[in-house]
Amino acid sequence: MTDQLNNIQTKTSTPAPAAAPFAAAGSHAPRNDRRGAGGRGGDRGGRGGRPSNRPPRAKSEFDQKTITIRRVSRVVAGGRRFSFSVAIIIGNKKGRVGVGLGKAGDTTLAIDKAVRDAKKNMITVPLTKDSSIAHDVSAKYCASRISIMPAPAHGLVAGSSVRLVLELAGINNIVAKIQSGSKNGLNNARAAIEALKTLKA
């Protein structure tokens, strides 16, 4: 009788095995277990997308500077339609320079049009050994009057958009003066181009 009581106490004192975690019906594995080692995206490596097959865009030989970006409008039957007008100067700093104007409904398209227009109207400036010009030149475009004079050991002395034209053309040791009161950057740049056209090698 005593042996039977001891056996019953031994059986009842044995602890029940611990329930396995997440063994209940309808339970799911932890969220961290369902993700890959990279966290979000699993084996896709986070936000890494599809590799691009597009070749890298070749760098243009011309540098460019923007003179003005204006929003212009025209009146139509349904109201107003807005577009953008962009004036750009491009040059290779080795004697080639041009000014262009482009208009489009988007600034990116307008810039592309202006660059193409500048390439069509590009000129070649004959430079001296010290990257200057051989003689004085002057020109008039609309209301803008420009005078450009060589000045040894003076660097580039110019203002407004005329400085951008001379800089992108690669001209140094020069002095440029705007003799009119025009504040139109595009006209000043085109007057500088007209003056440089009159240079003789």
N, C-alpha and C. Protein backbone atom coordinates (compact mmCIF):
# COMPACT_ATOMS: atom_id res chain seq x y z
N MET A 1 0.83 -1.21 0.00
CA MET A 1 0.00 0.00 0.00
C MET A 1 0.87 1.26 0.00
N THR A 2 1.92 1.22 0.80
CA THR A 2 2.83 2.35 0.86
C THR A 2 3.54 2.55 -0.46
N ASP A 3 3.93 1.46 -1.11
CA ASP A 3 4.60 1.58 -2.41
C ASP A 3 3.68 2.19 -3.46
N GLN A 4 2.41 1.84 -3.44
CA GLN A 4 1.48 2.42 -4.42
C GLN A 4 1.31 3.92 -4.23
N LEU A 5 1.25 4.39 -2.94
CA LEU A 5 1.13 5.82 -2.68
C LEU A 5 2.35 6.58 -3.14
N ASN A 6 3.53 5.99 -2.94
CA ASN A 6 4.76 6.64 -3.40
C ASN A 6 4.77 6.79 -4.92
N ASN A 7 4.32 5.75 -5.62
CA ASN A 7 4.29 5.82 -7.09
C ASN A 7 3.33 6.89 -7.58
N ILE A 8 2.16 7.02 -6.89
CA ILE A 8 1.18 8.04 -7.29
C ILE A 8 1.74 9.43 -7.07
N GLN A 9 2.45 9.68 -5.91
CA GLN A 9 3.02 10.99 -5.64
C GLN A 9 4.11 11.35 -6.64
N THR A 10 4.90 10.34 -7.04
CA THR A 10 5.97 10.59 -8.01
C THR A 10 5.40 11.01 -9.36
N LYS A 11 4.31 10.36 -9.78
CA LYS A 11 3.69 10.69 -11.07
C LYS A 11 3.09 12.09 -11.06
N THR A 12 2.45 12.45 -9.96
CA THR A 12 1.80 13.76 -9.90
C THR A 12 2.80 14.89 -9.75
N SER A 13 3.99 14.63 -9.14
CA SER A 13 4.97 15.69 -8.95
C SER A 13 5.82 15.96 -10.18
N THR A 14 5.76 15.06 -11.17
CA THR A 14 6.54 15.28 -12.40
C THR A 14 5.96 16.45 -13.18
N PRO A 15 6.77 17.52 -13.46
CA PRO A 15 6.20 18.69 -14.18
C PRO A 15 5.83 18.35 -15.60
N ALA A 16 4.75 18.96 -16.06
CA ALA A 16 4.30 18.76 -17.45
C ALA A 16 5.24 19.48 -18.39
N PRO A 17 5.49 18.90 -19.55
CA PRO A 17 6.38 19.56 -20.52
C PRO A 17 5.80 20.91 -20.95
N ALA A 18 6.75 21.92 -21.13
CA ALA A 18 6.32 23.27 -21.53
C ALA A 18 5.75 23.26 -22.93
N ALA A 19 4.71 24.04 -23.10
CA ALA A 19 4.08 24.09 -24.42
C ALA A 19 5.01 24.77 -25.41
N ALA A 20 5.09 24.21 -26.62
CA ALA A 20 5.95 24.78 -27.66
C ALA A 20 5.44 26.16 -28.04
N PRO A 21 6.34 27.11 -28.20
CA PRO A 21 5.87 28.47 -28.57
C PRO A 21 5.21 28.48 -29.92
N PHE A 22 4.15 29.28 -30.00
CA PHE A 22 3.39 29.48 -31.24
C PHE A 22 2.79 28.16 -31.76
N ALA A 23 2.44 27.26 -30.82
CA ALA A 23 1.85 25.99 -31.24
C ALA A 23 0.34 26.08 -31.33
N ALA A 24 -0.27 27.13 -30.82
CA ALA A 24 -1.72 27.23 -30.84
C ALA A 24 -2.22 27.37 -32.26
N ALA A 25 -3.45 26.93 -32.43
CA ALA A 25 -4.03 27.00 -33.78
C ALA A 25 -4.21 28.45 -34.20
N GLY A 26 -3.90 28.73 -35.47
CA GLY A 26 -4.08 30.06 -35.99
C GLY A 26 -2.94 31.00 -35.71
N SER A 27 -1.92 30.58 -34.94
CA SER A 27 -0.79 31.47 -34.66
C SER A 27 0.18 31.45 -35.81
N HIS A 28 0.96 32.52 -35.94
CA HIS A 28 1.90 32.67 -37.04
C HIS A 28 3.30 32.82 -36.51
N ALA A 29 4.27 32.61 -37.38
CA ALA A 29 5.66 32.82 -37.00
C ALA A 29 5.91 34.30 -36.80
N PRO A 30 6.92 34.66 -36.03
CA PRO A 30 7.23 36.09 -35.83
C PRO A 30 7.51 36.78 -37.16
N ARG A 31 7.22 38.08 -37.19
CA ARG A 31 7.41 38.85 -38.41
C ARG A 31 8.87 38.84 -38.85
N ASN A 32 9.80 38.86 -37.88
CA ASN A 32 11.22 38.86 -38.23
C ASN A 32 11.63 37.57 -38.92
N ASP A 33 10.95 36.45 -38.60
CA ASP A 33 11.32 35.17 -39.24
C ASP A 33 10.89 35.13 -40.69
N ARG A 34 9.80 35.87 -41.01
CA ARG A 34 9.33 35.84 -42.39
C ARG A 34 10.16 36.72 -43.29
N ARG A 35 10.89 37.69 -42.72
CA ARG A 35 11.72 38.57 -43.54
C ARG A 35 13.08 37.93 -43.77
N GLY A 36 13.70 38.36 -44.83
CA GLY A 36 15.04 37.87 -45.11
C GLY A 36 16.06 38.57 -44.25
N ALA A 37 17.30 38.22 -44.48
CA ALA A 37 18.38 38.82 -43.70
C ALA A 37 18.50 40.30 -43.95
N GLY A 38 18.03 40.75 -45.08
CA GLY A 38 18.15 42.15 -45.41
C GLY A 38 17.01 43.00 -44.90
N GLY A 39 16.11 42.42 -44.07
CA GLY A 39 15.01 43.21 -43.54
C GLY A 39 13.92 43.32 -44.58
N ARG A 40 13.47 44.49 -44.86
CA ARG A 40 12.37 44.70 -45.81
C ARG A 40 12.77 44.24 -47.20
N GLY A 41 11.88 43.49 -47.80
CA GLY A 41 12.13 43.05 -49.16
C GLY A 41 12.72 41.65 -49.23
N GLY A 42 13.04 41.01 -48.09
CA GLY A 42 13.54 39.64 -48.13
C GLY A 42 14.87 39.54 -48.83
N ASP A 43 14.92 38.63 -49.78
CA ASP A 43 16.16 38.36 -50.50
C ASP A 43 16.42 39.39 -51.59
N ARG A 44 15.54 40.38 -51.73
CA ARG A 44 15.75 41.37 -52.79
C ARG A 44 16.77 42.42 -52.42
N GLY A 45 17.26 42.39 -51.18
CA GLY A 45 18.31 43.32 -50.80
C GLY A 45 17.81 44.72 -50.57
N GLY A 46 16.69 44.86 -49.84
CA GLY A 46 16.20 46.18 -49.48
C GLY A 46 15.55 46.85 -50.69
N ARG A 47 15.97 48.07 -50.98
CA ARG A 47 15.35 48.84 -52.06
C ARG A 47 16.07 48.67 -53.39
N GLY A 48 17.01 47.75 -53.46
CA GLY A 48 17.72 47.57 -54.71
C GLY A 48 16.79 47.19 -55.83
N GLY A 49 16.71 48.00 -56.88
CA GLY A 49 15.79 47.73 -57.97
C GLY A 49 16.47 46.99 -59.11
N ARG A 50 15.79 46.99 -60.22
CA ARG A 50 16.31 46.30 -61.40
C ARG A 50 17.49 47.07 -61.99
N PRO A 51 18.58 46.41 -62.31
CA PRO A 51 19.74 47.14 -62.86
C PRO A 51 19.39 47.79 -64.20
N SER A 52 19.89 49.00 -64.40
CA SER A 52 19.58 49.75 -65.61
C SER A 52 20.48 49.30 -66.76
N ASN A 53 19.85 49.10 -67.93
CA ASN A 53 20.60 48.73 -69.12
C ASN A 53 20.95 49.95 -69.97
N ARG A 54 20.58 51.15 -69.48
CA ARG A 54 20.83 52.36 -70.25
C ARG A 54 22.31 52.75 -70.15
N PRO A 55 22.98 52.99 -71.25
CA PRO A 55 24.40 53.37 -71.17
C PRO A 55 24.55 54.76 -70.57
N PRO A 56 25.65 55.05 -69.88
CA PRO A 56 25.84 56.38 -69.29
C PRO A 56 25.92 57.45 -70.37
N ARG A 57 25.32 58.61 -70.07
CA ARG A 57 25.28 59.70 -71.04
C ARG A 57 26.68 60.32 -71.18
N ALA A 58 27.12 60.47 -72.41
CA ALA A 58 28.44 61.05 -72.65
C ALA A 58 28.44 62.52 -72.30
N LYS A 59 29.49 62.97 -71.65
CA LYS A 59 29.60 64.36 -71.25
C LYS A 59 29.85 65.23 -72.47
N SER A 60 29.10 66.34 -72.56
CA SER A 60 29.23 67.24 -73.69
C SER A 60 30.55 68.00 -73.61
N GLU A 61 31.09 68.32 -74.78
CA GLU A 61 32.33 69.09 -74.82
C GLU A 61 32.11 70.56 -74.50
N PHE A 62 30.85 70.99 -74.47
CA PHE A 62 30.52 72.39 -74.23
C PHE A 62 30.01 72.59 -72.81
N ASP A 63 30.49 73.65 -72.17
CA ASP A 63 29.92 74.10 -70.91
C ASP A 63 28.77 75.05 -71.22
N GLN A 64 27.84 75.17 -70.29
CA GLN A 64 26.69 76.03 -70.54
C GLN A 64 26.35 76.85 -69.30
N LYS A 65 25.86 78.05 -69.56
CA LYS A 65 25.41 78.97 -68.51
C LYS A 65 24.04 79.50 -68.91
N THR A 66 23.16 79.59 -67.94
CA THR A 66 21.81 80.08 -68.20
C THR A 66 21.75 81.59 -67.97
N ILE A 67 21.23 82.31 -68.93
CA ILE A 67 21.06 83.76 -68.78
C ILE A 67 19.74 84.05 -68.07
N THR A 68 18.66 83.59 -68.64
CA THR A 68 17.34 83.86 -68.05
C THR A 68 16.44 82.63 -68.22
N ILE A 69 15.53 82.47 -67.26
CA ILE A 69 14.42 81.51 -67.37
C ILE A 69 13.14 82.28 -67.04
N ARG A 70 12.27 82.43 -68.03
CA ARG A 70 11.06 83.21 -67.84
C ARG A 70 9.83 82.36 -68.13
N ARG A 71 8.77 82.61 -67.37
CA ARG A 71 7.49 81.98 -67.67
C ARG A 71 6.67 82.95 -68.49
N VAL A 72 6.30 82.53 -69.66
CA VAL A 72 5.53 83.39 -70.56
C VAL A 72 4.15 82.77 -70.77
N SER A 73 3.21 83.59 -71.20
CA SER A 73 1.84 83.11 -71.39
C SER A 73 1.26 83.71 -72.67
N ARG A 74 0.30 83.00 -73.21
CA ARG A 74 -0.45 83.52 -74.35
C ARG A 74 -1.93 83.26 -74.11
N VAL A 75 -2.74 84.16 -74.57
CA VAL A 75 -4.18 84.08 -74.32
C VAL A 75 -4.84 83.32 -75.46
N VAL A 76 -5.62 82.31 -75.11
CA VAL A 76 -6.38 81.52 -76.09
C VAL A 76 -7.85 81.58 -75.69
N ALA A 77 -8.67 80.87 -76.45
CA ALA A 77 -10.12 80.94 -76.21
C ALA A 77 -10.48 80.42 -74.82
N GLY A 78 -9.78 79.41 -74.33
CA GLY A 78 -10.13 78.83 -73.03
C GLY A 78 -9.44 79.50 -71.85
N GLY A 79 -8.60 80.47 -72.09
CA GLY A 79 -7.89 81.13 -71.00
C GLY A 79 -6.44 81.40 -71.40
N ARG A 80 -5.52 81.14 -70.49
CA ARG A 80 -4.10 81.38 -70.75
C ARG A 80 -3.35 80.05 -70.79
N ARG A 81 -2.37 80.02 -71.65
CA ARG A 81 -1.47 78.86 -71.72
C ARG A 81 -0.05 79.32 -71.39
N PHE A 82 0.55 78.65 -70.42
CA PHE A 82 1.87 79.06 -69.94
C PHE A 82 2.95 78.16 -70.53
N SER A 83 4.09 78.76 -70.78
CA SER A 83 5.27 78.02 -71.24
C SER A 83 6.50 78.71 -70.66
N PHE A 84 7.67 78.13 -70.90
CA PHE A 84 8.91 78.64 -70.35
C PHE A 84 9.85 79.03 -71.49
N SER A 85 10.52 80.16 -71.30
CA SER A 85 11.51 80.66 -72.25
C SER A 85 12.87 80.68 -71.56
N VAL A 86 13.86 80.01 -72.17
CA VAL A 86 15.19 79.86 -71.57
C VAL A 86 16.22 80.37 -72.56
N ALA A 87 17.13 81.22 -72.08
CA ALA A 87 18.26 81.71 -72.87
C ALA A 87 19.55 81.15 -72.28
N ILE A 88 20.37 80.56 -73.14
CA ILE A 88 21.56 79.83 -72.68
C ILE A 88 22.77 80.22 -73.53
N ILE A 89 23.92 80.24 -72.89
CA ILE A 89 25.21 80.42 -73.58
C ILE A 89 26.00 79.14 -73.43
N ILE A 90 26.57 78.63 -74.52
CA ILE A 90 27.42 77.45 -74.46
C ILE A 90 28.78 77.77 -75.09
N GLY A 91 29.80 77.08 -74.65
CA GLY A 91 31.14 77.28 -75.20
C GLY A 91 32.09 76.21 -74.70
N ASN A 92 33.19 76.04 -75.43
CA ASN A 92 34.18 75.03 -75.04
C ASN A 92 35.44 75.64 -74.42
N LYS A 93 35.42 76.97 -74.20
CA LYS A 93 36.55 77.70 -73.60
C LYS A 93 37.82 77.59 -74.45
N LYS A 94 37.63 77.33 -75.74
CA LYS A 94 38.76 77.26 -76.67
C LYS A 94 38.48 78.07 -77.93
N GLY A 95 37.56 79.04 -77.83
CA GLY A 95 37.27 79.88 -78.97
C GLY A 95 35.92 79.66 -79.59
N ARG A 96 35.16 78.63 -79.15
CA ARG A 96 33.84 78.36 -79.71
C ARG A 96 32.78 78.78 -78.69
N VAL A 97 31.82 79.58 -79.15
CA VAL A 97 30.78 80.08 -78.25
C VAL A 97 29.52 80.34 -79.04
N GLY A 98 28.37 80.23 -78.38
CA GLY A 98 27.10 80.48 -79.05
C GLY A 98 26.01 80.81 -78.04
N VAL A 99 24.99 81.53 -78.49
CA VAL A 99 23.84 81.92 -77.67
C VAL A 99 22.59 81.35 -78.30
N GLY A 100 21.71 80.75 -77.47
CA GLY A 100 20.50 80.16 -78.00
C GLY A 100 19.30 80.45 -77.12
N LEU A 101 18.11 80.36 -77.73
CA LEU A 101 16.84 80.61 -77.04
C LEU A 101 15.91 79.44 -77.32
N GLY A 102 15.25 78.95 -76.26
CA GLY A 102 14.32 77.84 -76.42
C GLY A 102 13.05 78.08 -75.64
N LYS A 103 11.92 77.65 -76.21
CA LYS A 103 10.61 77.77 -75.54
C LYS A 103 9.91 76.43 -75.57
N ALA A 104 9.31 76.05 -74.42
CA ALA A 104 8.57 74.80 -74.33
C ALA A 104 7.70 74.85 -73.08
N GLY A 105 6.83 73.86 -72.95
CA GLY A 105 5.96 73.79 -71.78
C GLY A 105 6.66 73.29 -70.55
N ASP A 106 7.86 72.72 -70.71
CA ASP A 106 8.64 72.21 -69.59
C ASP A 106 10.03 72.82 -69.64
N THR A 107 10.61 73.10 -68.48
CA THR A 107 11.93 73.75 -68.45
C THR A 107 13.01 72.85 -69.06
N THR A 108 12.91 71.54 -68.85
CA THR A 108 13.92 70.63 -69.40
C THR A 108 13.90 70.66 -70.93
N LEU A 109 12.70 70.61 -71.51
CA LEU A 109 12.60 70.67 -72.97
C LEU A 109 13.06 72.02 -73.49
N ALA A 110 12.75 73.09 -72.76
CA ALA A 110 13.17 74.42 -73.19
C ALA A 110 14.69 74.55 -73.17
N ILE A 111 15.34 73.96 -72.17
CA ILE A 111 16.81 74.00 -72.10
C ILE A 111 17.41 73.23 -73.26
N ASP A 112 16.84 72.05 -73.56
CA ASP A 112 17.35 71.26 -74.69
C ASP A 112 17.22 72.03 -76.01
N LYS A 113 16.09 72.71 -76.20
CA LYS A 113 15.90 73.50 -77.42
C LYS A 113 16.89 74.66 -77.49
N ALA A 114 17.13 75.29 -76.34
CA ALA A 114 18.07 76.41 -76.32
C ALA A 114 19.49 75.95 -76.64
N VAL A 115 19.87 74.78 -76.14
CA VAL A 115 21.21 74.25 -76.43
C VAL A 115 21.35 73.95 -77.91
N ARG A 116 20.32 73.35 -78.51
CA ARG A 116 20.37 73.06 -79.95
C ARG A 116 20.44 74.35 -80.76
N ASP A 117 19.69 75.37 -80.34
CA ASP A 117 19.73 76.65 -81.04
C ASP A 117 21.10 77.31 -80.91
N ALA A 118 21.71 77.19 -79.73
CA ALA A 118 23.05 77.78 -79.53
C ALA A 118 24.09 77.07 -80.40
N LYS A 119 23.97 75.77 -80.55
CA LYS A 119 24.92 75.04 -81.40
C LYS A 119 24.78 75.44 -82.86
N LYS A 120 23.55 75.76 -83.29
CA LYS A 120 23.36 76.19 -84.67
C LYS A 120 23.99 77.57 -84.92
N ASN A 121 23.97 78.43 -83.90
CA ASN A 121 24.45 79.80 -84.05
C ASN A 121 25.85 79.98 -83.44
N MET A 122 26.61 78.92 -83.35
CA MET A 122 27.93 79.00 -82.71
C MET A 122 28.94 79.65 -83.66
N ILE A 123 29.87 80.43 -83.07
CA ILE A 123 30.92 81.08 -83.83
C ILE A 123 32.28 80.64 -83.29
N THR A 124 33.31 80.86 -84.09
CA THR A 124 34.69 80.57 -83.68
C THR A 124 35.45 81.89 -83.57
N VAL A 125 36.02 82.12 -82.40
CA VAL A 125 36.71 83.39 -82.14
C VAL A 125 38.21 83.17 -82.31
N PRO A 126 38.88 83.95 -83.17
CA PRO A 126 40.34 83.83 -83.29
C PRO A 126 41.04 84.43 -82.05
N LEU A 127 41.77 83.61 -81.32
CA LEU A 127 42.43 84.04 -80.09
C LEU A 127 43.92 84.23 -80.33
N THR A 128 44.49 85.11 -79.54
CA THR A 128 45.94 85.31 -79.58
C THR A 128 46.63 84.30 -78.66
N LYS A 129 47.95 84.39 -78.56
CA LYS A 129 48.70 83.43 -77.75
C LYS A 129 48.36 83.54 -76.26
N ASP A 130 48.01 84.75 -75.81
CA ASP A 130 47.66 84.93 -74.39
C ASP A 130 46.15 84.88 -74.17
N SER A 131 45.43 84.20 -75.05
CA SER A 131 43.97 84.00 -74.94
C SER A 131 43.22 85.32 -74.92
N SER A 132 43.64 86.27 -75.73
CA SER A 132 42.96 87.55 -75.84
C SER A 132 42.53 87.74 -77.29
N ILE A 133 42.17 88.97 -77.65
CA ILE A 133 41.78 89.27 -79.02
C ILE A 133 42.81 90.24 -79.62
N ALA A 134 42.84 90.33 -80.93
CA ALA A 134 43.89 91.08 -81.60
C ALA A 134 43.64 92.58 -81.59
N HIS A 135 42.38 93.03 -81.59
CA HIS A 135 42.10 94.46 -81.69
C HIS A 135 40.75 94.77 -81.06
N ASP A 136 40.46 96.07 -80.96
CA ASP A 136 39.19 96.51 -80.39
C ASP A 136 38.04 96.19 -81.35
N VAL A 137 36.90 95.81 -80.75
CA VAL A 137 35.69 95.56 -81.54
C VAL A 137 34.50 96.16 -80.80
N SER A 138 33.46 96.48 -81.54
CA SER A 138 32.22 96.99 -80.96
C SER A 138 31.07 96.59 -81.86
N ALA A 139 29.88 96.51 -81.27
CA ALA A 139 28.70 96.12 -82.05
C ALA A 139 27.45 96.61 -81.34
N LYS A 140 26.36 96.61 -82.09
CA LYS A 140 25.06 97.01 -81.57
C LYS A 140 24.04 95.94 -81.93
N TYR A 141 23.23 95.54 -80.95
CA TYR A 141 22.14 94.59 -81.18
C TYR A 141 20.92 95.12 -80.45
N CYS A 142 19.89 95.46 -81.21
CA CYS A 142 18.70 96.11 -80.65
C CYS A 142 19.14 97.37 -79.89
N ALA A 143 18.87 97.44 -78.59
CA ALA A 143 19.25 98.64 -77.83
C ALA A 143 20.57 98.48 -77.11
N SER A 144 21.26 97.35 -77.30
CA SER A 144 22.51 97.08 -76.58
C SER A 144 23.70 97.49 -77.43
N ARG A 145 24.63 98.19 -76.82
CA ARG A 145 25.89 98.58 -77.48
C ARG A 145 27.04 98.05 -76.62
N ILE A 146 27.97 97.35 -77.26
CA ILE A 146 29.07 96.69 -76.56
C ILE A 146 30.39 97.09 -77.19
N SER A 147 31.38 97.36 -76.34
CA SER A 147 32.76 97.58 -76.80
C SER A 147 33.67 96.60 -76.06
N ILE A 148 34.53 95.93 -76.82
CA ILE A 148 35.45 94.94 -76.25
C ILE A 148 36.87 95.32 -76.67
N MET A 149 37.75 95.42 -75.68
CA MET A 149 39.13 95.88 -75.94
C MET A 149 40.12 94.94 -75.26
N PRO A 150 41.22 94.60 -75.95
CA PRO A 150 42.26 93.80 -75.30
C PRO A 150 42.97 94.60 -74.22
N ALA A 151 43.28 93.96 -73.10
CA ALA A 151 43.96 94.62 -71.97
C ALA A 151 44.94 93.62 -71.36
N PRO A 152 46.22 93.68 -71.76
CA PRO A 152 47.20 92.71 -71.24
C PRO A 152 47.31 92.78 -69.72
N ALA A 153 47.41 91.60 -69.11
CA ALA A 153 47.60 91.44 -67.65
C ALA A 153 46.46 92.03 -66.84
N HIS A 154 45.28 92.11 -67.40
CA HIS A 154 44.12 92.62 -66.66
C HIS A 154 43.10 91.52 -66.35
N GLY A 155 43.28 90.34 -66.91
CA GLY A 155 42.29 89.29 -66.70
C GLY A 155 41.02 89.56 -67.49
N LEU A 156 39.90 89.14 -66.94
CA LEU A 156 38.60 89.31 -67.59
C LEU A 156 37.81 90.35 -66.82
N VAL A 157 37.61 91.51 -67.45
CA VAL A 157 36.87 92.61 -66.82
C VAL A 157 35.62 92.85 -67.66
N ALA A 158 34.49 92.38 -67.18
CA ALA A 158 33.22 92.53 -67.91
C ALA A 158 32.09 92.27 -66.94
N GLY A 159 30.90 92.66 -67.34
CA GLY A 159 29.74 92.46 -66.50
C GLY A 159 28.57 91.92 -67.29
N SER A 160 27.47 91.67 -66.56
CA SER A 160 26.25 91.17 -67.15
C SER A 160 26.51 89.84 -67.87
N SER A 161 25.74 89.55 -68.90
CA SER A 161 25.91 88.31 -69.64
C SER A 161 27.10 88.35 -70.58
N VAL A 162 27.68 89.56 -70.80
CA VAL A 162 28.87 89.66 -71.66
C VAL A 162 30.03 88.88 -71.03
N ARG A 163 30.13 88.91 -69.71
CA ARG A 163 31.19 88.17 -69.03
C ARG A 163 31.05 86.67 -69.27
N LEU A 164 29.81 86.16 -69.26
CA LEU A 164 29.60 84.73 -69.50
C LEU A 164 30.02 84.35 -70.92
N VAL A 165 29.71 85.21 -71.90
CA VAL A 165 30.09 84.93 -73.28
C VAL A 165 31.61 84.85 -73.41
N LEU A 166 32.31 85.83 -72.84
CA LEU A 166 33.77 85.86 -72.95
C LEU A 166 34.41 84.71 -72.17
N GLU A 167 33.82 84.39 -71.02
CA GLU A 167 34.38 83.30 -70.20
C GLU A 167 34.25 81.95 -70.91
N LEU A 168 33.07 81.66 -71.48
CA LEU A 168 32.87 80.39 -72.17
C LEU A 168 33.60 80.34 -73.50
N ALA A 169 33.95 81.49 -74.06
CA ALA A 169 34.77 81.50 -75.27
C ALA A 169 36.24 81.29 -74.94
N GLY A 170 36.62 81.40 -73.66
CA GLY A 170 38.01 81.20 -73.27
C GLY A 170 38.87 82.44 -73.45
N ILE A 171 38.26 83.62 -73.40
CA ILE A 171 38.99 84.87 -73.62
C ILE A 171 39.39 85.47 -72.28
N ASN A 172 40.67 85.83 -72.14
CA ASN A 172 41.19 86.49 -70.95
C ASN A 172 41.89 87.79 -71.37
N ASN A 173 42.35 88.55 -70.35
CA ASN A 173 43.07 89.81 -70.60
C ASN A 173 42.29 90.71 -71.54
N ILE A 174 41.08 91.02 -71.11
CA ILE A 174 40.17 91.78 -71.96
C ILE A 174 39.26 92.65 -71.09
N VAL A 175 38.83 93.77 -71.64
CA VAL A 175 37.90 94.67 -70.96
C VAL A 175 36.70 94.89 -71.87
N ALA A 176 35.50 94.68 -71.32
CA ALA A 176 34.27 94.87 -72.09
C ALA A 176 33.40 95.90 -71.38
N LYS A 177 32.84 96.82 -72.16
CA LYS A 177 31.98 97.85 -71.61
C LYS A 177 30.64 97.86 -72.33
N ILE A 178 29.58 97.95 -71.52
CA ILE A 178 28.23 98.10 -72.08
C ILE A 178 27.94 99.59 -72.16
N GLN A 179 27.89 100.13 -73.35
CA GLN A 179 27.76 101.57 -73.54
C GLN A 179 26.31 102.04 -73.56
N SER A 180 25.38 101.13 -73.46
CA SER A 180 23.97 101.47 -73.42
C SER A 180 23.42 101.18 -72.03
N GLY A 181 22.23 101.62 -71.79
CA GLY A 181 21.60 101.36 -70.49
C GLY A 181 20.73 100.12 -70.49
N SER A 182 20.89 99.27 -71.47
CA SER A 182 20.04 98.09 -71.58
C SER A 182 20.35 97.09 -70.46
N LYS A 183 19.31 96.56 -69.84
CA LYS A 183 19.43 95.53 -68.81
C LYS A 183 19.04 94.15 -69.34
N ASN A 184 18.80 94.06 -70.63
CA ASN A 184 18.38 92.80 -71.23
C ASN A 184 19.61 91.91 -71.42
N GLY A 185 19.69 90.84 -70.62
CA GLY A 185 20.86 89.97 -70.69
C GLY A 185 21.01 89.27 -72.02
N LEU A 186 19.89 88.86 -72.63
CA LEU A 186 19.96 88.17 -73.92
C LEU A 186 20.48 89.10 -75.01
N ASN A 187 19.99 90.35 -75.04
CA ASN A 187 20.47 91.30 -76.04
C ASN A 187 21.94 91.65 -75.83
N ASN A 188 22.36 91.78 -74.58
CA ASN A 188 23.77 92.06 -74.31
C ASN A 188 24.66 90.91 -74.77
N ALA A 189 24.21 89.68 -74.53
CA ALA A 189 25.00 88.52 -74.97
C ALA A 189 25.08 88.45 -76.49
N ARG A 190 23.97 88.73 -77.16
CA ARG A 190 23.99 88.69 -78.63
C ARG A 190 24.80 89.84 -79.21
N ALA A 191 24.81 90.99 -78.53
CA ALA A 191 25.66 92.09 -78.98
C ALA A 191 27.13 91.71 -78.85
N ALA A 192 27.48 90.98 -77.78
CA ALA A 192 28.87 90.51 -77.62
C ALA A 192 29.23 89.53 -78.73
N ILE A 193 28.29 88.67 -79.10
CA ILE A 193 28.54 87.72 -80.19
C ILE A 193 28.75 88.47 -81.50
N GLU A 194 27.92 89.49 -81.75
CA GLU A 194 28.08 90.26 -82.98
C GLU A 194 29.42 90.99 -83.00
N ALA A 195 29.88 91.47 -81.84
CA ALA A 195 31.19 92.13 -81.80
C ALA A 195 32.30 91.14 -82.08
N LEU A 196 32.22 89.94 -81.51
CA LEU A 196 33.26 88.94 -81.72
C LEU A 196 33.27 88.44 -83.16
N LYS A 197 32.14 88.53 -83.86
CA LYS A 197 32.11 88.11 -85.27
C LYS A 197 32.98 89.00 -86.16
N THR A 198 33.18 90.25 -85.74
CA THR A 198 33.93 91.19 -86.55
C THR A 198 35.45 91.08 -86.36
N LEU A 199 35.86 90.16 -85.48
CA LEU A 199 37.31 90.00 -85.26
C LEU A 199 37.99 89.45 -86.50
N LYS A 200 39.21 89.94 -86.74
CA LYS A 200 40.03 89.44 -87.83
C LYS A 200 41.26 88.72 -87.25
N ALA A 201 41.55 87.58 -87.80
CA ALA A 201 42.67 86.79 -87.28
C ALA A 201 44.00 87.50 -87.49
